[in-house]
C-alpha atoms as a PDB file:
ATOM      1  CA  MET A   1      -0.658   5.779  -8.747  1.00  0.00           C
ATOM      2  CA  ALA A   2      -1.601   2.867  -6.483  1.00  0.00           C
ATOM      3  CA  ILE A   3      -4.864   2.827  -4.558  1.00  0.00           C
ATOM      4  CA  PRO A   4      -6.781   0.387  -2.396  1.00  0.00           C
ATOM      5  CA  CYS A   5      -9.891  -0.888  -4.142  1.00  0.00           C
ATOM      6  CA  HIS A   6     -13.085  -2.332  -2.707  1.00  0.00           C
ATOM      7  CA  CYS A   7     -16.733  -1.966  -3.728  1.00  0.00           C
ATOM      8  CA  GLU A   8     -19.681  -2.504  -1.398  1.00  0.00           C
ATOM      9  CA  GLN A   9     -23.091  -3.368  -2.882  1.00  0.00           C
ATOM     10  CA  PRO A  10     -24.871  -1.460  -4.264  1.00  0.00           C
ATOM     11  CA  SER A  11     -21.936   0.646  -5.318  1.00  0.00           C
ATOM     12  CA  ALA A  12     -21.350   4.204  -6.423  1.00  0.00           C
ATOM     13  CA  SER A  13     -17.563   3.604  -6.318  1.00  0.00           C
ATOM     14  CA  TYR A  14     -16.380   5.988  -3.658  1.00  0.00           C
ATOM     15  CA  ASN A  15     -12.626   5.735  -3.233  1.00  0.00           C
ATOM     16  CA  VAL A  16     -10.172   6.698  -0.543  1.00  0.00           C
ATOM     17  CA  ALA A  17      -6.473   7.340  -1.177  1.00  0.00           C
ATOM     18  CA  PHE A  18      -3.584   8.347   1.062  1.00  0.00           C
ATOM     19  CA  SER A  19      -0.616  10.657   0.686  1.00  0.00           C
ATOM     20  CA  GLY A  20       1.476  10.796   3.847  1.00  0.00           C
ATOM     21  CA  ASP A  21      -0.957  11.542   6.656  1.00  0.00           C
ATOM     22  CA  VAL A  22      -3.638  13.023   4.359  1.00  0.00           C
ATOM     23  CA  VAL A  23      -6.731  11.015   3.395  1.00  0.00           C
ATOM     24  CA  TYR A  24      -8.492  11.805   0.091  1.00  0.00           C
ATOM     25  CA  THR A  25     -12.053  10.593  -0.500  1.00  0.00           C
ATOM     26  CA  THR A  26     -13.521  10.894  -3.993  1.00  0.00           C
ATOM     27  CA  VAL A  27     -16.408   9.739  -6.118  1.00  0.00           C
ATOM     28  CA  ALA A  28     -14.607   7.702  -8.741  1.00  0.00           C
ATOM     29  CA  ALA A  29     -16.732   8.653 -11.720  1.00  0.00           C
ATOM     30  CA  ASP A  30     -16.125  12.380 -11.192  1.00  0.00           C
ATOM     31  CA  SER A  31     -12.354  12.278 -10.763  1.00  0.00           C
ATOM     32  CA  GLN A  32      -9.853  12.271 -13.638  1.00  0.00           C
ATOM     33  CA  TRP A  33      -6.986  10.977 -11.474  1.00  0.00           C
ATOM     34  CA  ILE A  34      -8.935   7.846 -10.585  1.00  0.00           C
ATOM     35  CA  ARG A  35      -9.570   7.149 -14.293  1.00  0.00           C
ATOM     36  CA  ASP A  36      -5.817   7.196 -14.887  1.00  0.00           C
ATOM     37  CA  VAL A  37      -4.949   4.740 -12.114  1.00  0.00           C
ATOM     38  CA  SER A  38      -2.544   2.041 -13.250  1.00  0.00           C
ATOM     39  CA  PHE A  39      -2.274  -0.058 -10.087  1.00  0.00           C
ATOM     40  CA  LEU A  40      -5.063  -1.415  -7.839  1.00  0.00           C
ATOM     41  CA  TYR A  41      -4.792  -3.628  -4.788  1.00  0.00           C
ATOM     42  CA  GLY A  42      -7.280  -5.258  -2.476  1.00  0.00           C
ATOM     43  CA  ILE A  43      -8.845  -8.569  -1.538  1.00  0.00           C
ATOM     44  CA  ARG A  44     -10.449 -10.656  -4.309  1.00  0.00           C
ATOM     45  CA  LEU A  45     -10.223  -7.730  -6.717  1.00  0.00           C
ATOM     46  CA  LYS A  46     -11.463  -9.180  -9.972  1.00  0.00           C
ATOM     47  CA  SER A  47     -15.158  -8.472  -9.389  1.00  0.00           C
ATOM     48  CA  ASP A  48     -14.431  -4.963  -8.029  1.00  0.00           C
ATOM     49  CA  VAL A  49     -12.274  -4.117 -11.047  1.00  0.00           C
ATOM     50  CA  ARG A  50     -14.985  -5.428 -13.403  1.00  0.00           C
ATOM     51  CA  LYS A  51     -17.535  -3.167 -11.647  1.00  0.00           C
ATOM     52  CA  LEU A  52     -15.263  -0.136 -11.975  1.00  0.00           C
ATOM     53  CA  GLU A  53     -14.663  -0.881 -15.659  1.00  0.00           C
ATOM     54  CA  ARG A  54     -18.328  -1.570 -16.414  1.00  0.00           C
ATOM     55  CA  ASP A  55     -19.962   1.189 -14.365  1.00  0.00           C
ATOM     56  CA  HIS A  56     -17.404   3.981 -14.583  1.00  0.00           C
ATOM     57  CA  ARG A  57     -14.933   3.091 -17.357  1.00  0.00           C
ATOM     58  CA  ILE A  58     -12.144   3.094 -14.756  1.00  0.00           C
ATOM     59  CA  GLY A  59      -9.247   0.703 -14.278  1.00  0.00           C
ATOM     60  CA  TYR A  60      -8.840  -0.704 -17.794  1.00  0.00           C
ATOM     61  CA  GLY A  61      -5.392  -2.237 -17.993  1.00  0.00           C
ATOM     62  CA  ALA A  62      -4.595  -1.511 -14.339  1.00  0.00           C
ATOM     63  CA  LYS A  63      -2.223  -3.951 -12.688  1.00  0.00           C
ATOM     64  CA  THR A  64      -3.832  -5.639  -9.708  1.00  0.00           C
ATOM     65  CA  VAL A  65      -2.394  -7.241  -6.594  1.00  0.00           C
ATOM     66  CA  ASP A  66      -4.615  -9.487  -4.527  1.00  0.00           C
ATOM     67  CA  LEU A  67      -3.573  -8.955  -0.912  1.00  0.00           C
ATOM     68  CA  GLY A  68      -4.660 -12.479   0.046  1.00  0.00           C
ATOM     69  CA  LYS A  69      -2.373 -14.033  -2.548  1.00  0.00           C
ATOM     70  CA  LEU A  70       0.464 -11.678  -1.578  1.00  0.00           C
ATOM     71  CA  ALA A  71       0.136 -12.465   2.142  1.00  0.00           C
ATOM     72  CA  ALA A  72      -0.162 -16.215   1.484  1.00  0.00           C
ATOM     73  CA  GLU A  73       3.112 -16.060  -0.448  1.00  0.00           C
ATOM     74  CA  VAL A  74       4.947 -13.809   2.009  1.00  0.00           C
ATOM     75  CA  TYR A  75       3.894 -15.636   5.180  1.00  0.00           C
ATOM     76  CA  LYS A  76       3.810 -19.129   3.603  1.00  0.00           C
ATOM     77  CA  MET A  77       0.214 -19.696   4.728  1.00  0.00           C
ATOM     78  CA  LYS A  78      -2.194 -20.927   2.031  1.00  0.00           C
ATOM     79  CA  GLU A  79      -5.234 -20.098   4.169  1.00  0.00           C
ATOM     80  CA  LEU A  80      -4.485 -16.364   3.867  1.00  0.00           C
ATOM     81  CA  LYS A  81      -5.244 -16.547   0.143  1.00  0.00           C
ATOM     82  CA  ASN A  82      -8.992 -16.632   0.867  1.00  0.00           C
ATOM     83  CA  ALA A  83      -9.010 -14.603   4.089  1.00  0.00           C
ATOM     84  CA  GLY A  84     -11.191 -11.517   4.350  1.00  0.00           C
ATOM     85  CA  LEU A  85      -9.875  -8.089   5.264  1.00  0.00           C
ATOM     86  CA  LYS A  86     -10.801  -8.473   8.938  1.00  0.00           C
ATOM     87  CA  ASN A  87      -8.787 -11.699   9.297  1.00  0.00           C
ATOM     88  CA  MET A  88      -5.920 -10.308   7.221  1.00  0.00           C
ATOM     89  CA  ALA A  89      -5.754  -7.259   9.516  1.00  0.00           C
ATOM     90  CA  ARG A  90      -5.602  -9.535  12.546  1.00  0.00           C
ATOM     91  CA  PHE A  91      -2.826 -11.721  11.091  1.00  0.00           C
ATOM     92  CA  VAL A  92      -0.670  -9.255   9.139  1.00  0.00           C
ATOM     93  CA  LEU A  93      -1.106  -6.142  11.282  1.00  0.00           C
ATOM     94  CA  GLY A  94      -2.040  -7.644  14.650  1.00  0.00           C
ATOM     95  CA  LYS A  95      -5.088  -5.329  14.731  1.00  0.00           C
ATOM     96  CA  GLU A  96      -8.787  -5.957  15.216  1.00  0.00           C
ATOM     97  CA  MET A  97     -11.060  -4.394  12.617  1.00  0.00           C
ATOM     98  CA  GLU A  98     -14.756  -3.729  13.097  1.00  0.00           C
ATOM     99  CA  LYS A  99     -16.982  -4.357  10.079  1.00  0.00           C
ATOM    100  CA  PRO A 100     -20.533  -3.671  11.279  1.00  0.00           C
ATOM    101  CA  LYS A 101     -23.092  -5.281   8.982  1.00  0.00           C
ATOM    102  CA  SER A 102     -25.341  -2.243   9.445  1.00  0.00           C
ATOM    103  CA  VAL A 103     -22.695  -0.286   7.521  1.00  0.00           C
ATOM    104  CA  THR A 104     -21.297  -2.876   5.103  1.00  0.00           C
ATOM    105  CA  ARG A 105     -24.821  -3.757   3.928  1.00  0.00           C
ATOM    106  CA  SER A 106     -26.076  -0.180   3.808  1.00  0.00           C
ATOM    107  CA  ARG A 107     -26.858   1.865   0.677  1.00  0.00           C
ATOM    108  CA  TRP A 108     -23.483   2.667  -0.897  1.00  0.00           C
ATOM    109  CA  ASP A 109     -25.182   4.024  -4.015  1.00  0.00           C
ATOM    110  CA  ASN A 110     -26.716   7.017  -2.197  1.00  0.00           C
ATOM    111  CA  ARG A 111     -25.487  10.381  -3.455  1.00  0.00           C
ATOM    112  CA  ARG A 112     -24.331  11.263   0.081  1.00  0.00           C
ATOM    113  CA  LEU A 113     -22.661   8.698   2.282  1.00  0.00           C
ATOM    114  CA  THR A 114     -23.414   8.657   5.990  1.00  0.00           C
ATOM    115  CA  ALA A 115     -20.677   9.498   8.490  1.00  0.00           C
ATOM    116  CA  ASP A 116     -20.531   5.786   9.403  1.00  0.00           C
ATOM    117  CA  GLN A 117     -20.010   4.831   5.746  1.00  0.00           C
ATOM    118  CA  VAL A 118     -17.217   7.384   5.294  1.00  0.00           C
ATOM    119  CA  HIS A 119     -15.571   6.183   8.524  1.00  0.00           C
ATOM    120  CA  TYR A 120     -15.827   2.563   7.373  1.00  0.00           C
ATOM    121  CA  ALA A 121     -14.486   3.367   3.877  1.00  0.00           C
ATOM    122  CA  CYS A 122     -11.487   5.183   5.358  1.00  0.00           C
ATOM    123  CA  ILE A 123     -10.665   2.312   7.699  1.00  0.00           C
ATOM    124  CA  ASP A 124     -11.185  -0.260   4.926  1.00  0.00           C
ATOM    125  CA  ALA A 125      -8.865   1.620   2.564  1.00  0.00           C
ATOM    126  CA  TYR A 126      -6.229   2.328   5.211  1.00  0.00           C
ATOM    127  CA  VAL A 127      -6.153  -1.287   6.409  1.00  0.00           C
ATOM    128  CA  SER A 128      -5.833  -2.478   2.789  1.00  0.00           C
ATOM    129  CA  PHE A 129      -3.009   0.010   2.262  1.00  0.00           C
ATOM    130  CA  GLU A 130      -1.193  -1.129   5.425  1.00  0.00           C
ATOM    131  CA  ILE A 131      -1.565  -4.830   4.605  1.00  0.00           C
ATOM    132  CA  GLY A 132      -0.083  -4.156   1.171  1.00  0.00           C
ATOM    133  CA  ARG A 133       2.737  -2.033   2.589  1.00  0.00           C
ATOM    134  CA  VAL A 134       3.676  -4.465   5.371  1.00  0.00           C
ATOM    135  CA  SER A 135       3.392  -7.563   3.169  1.00  0.00           C
ATOM    136  CA  SER A 136       5.393  -5.979   0.334  1.00  0.00           C
ATOM    137  CA  ALA A 137       8.120  -4.923   2.778  1.00  0.00           C
ATOM    138  CA  ALA A 138       8.274  -8.465   4.181  1.00  0.00           C
ATOM    139  CA  LEU A 139       8.523  -9.853   0.633  1.00  0.00           C
ATOM    140  CA  VAL A 140      11.562  -7.675  -0.094  1.00  0.00           C
ATOM    141  CA  LYS A 141      13.432  -8.803   3.058  1.00  0.00           C
END
């Protein structure tokens, strides 16, 4: 299974996955399927994967794809390697992405996320998924 991966600080590792037009949101530590994940992708993943391994014993041995490195290779633009998700969305997808600091810097370790946090997490995961899908398809061409 492949999932987008990103952890806000402080983190309780909520994850969002997609199957067709269905969005699944889970708390990573309580879900067996997330423990068995073998493929993670996102932007600058190493620290997120370390957090998942350390805090929730999730992701050990998972293959990772850094979307910045993938896009830099596909589009032959070195500057994409260090781009954030917002800039990647603009370049790869031609879409503007809102990342309000009031949400990104909010308490992600609360037992219940706010509606704004869930909305942000869904958009973050979907945009990561789309960047990976579009970039991978362009790589194959």
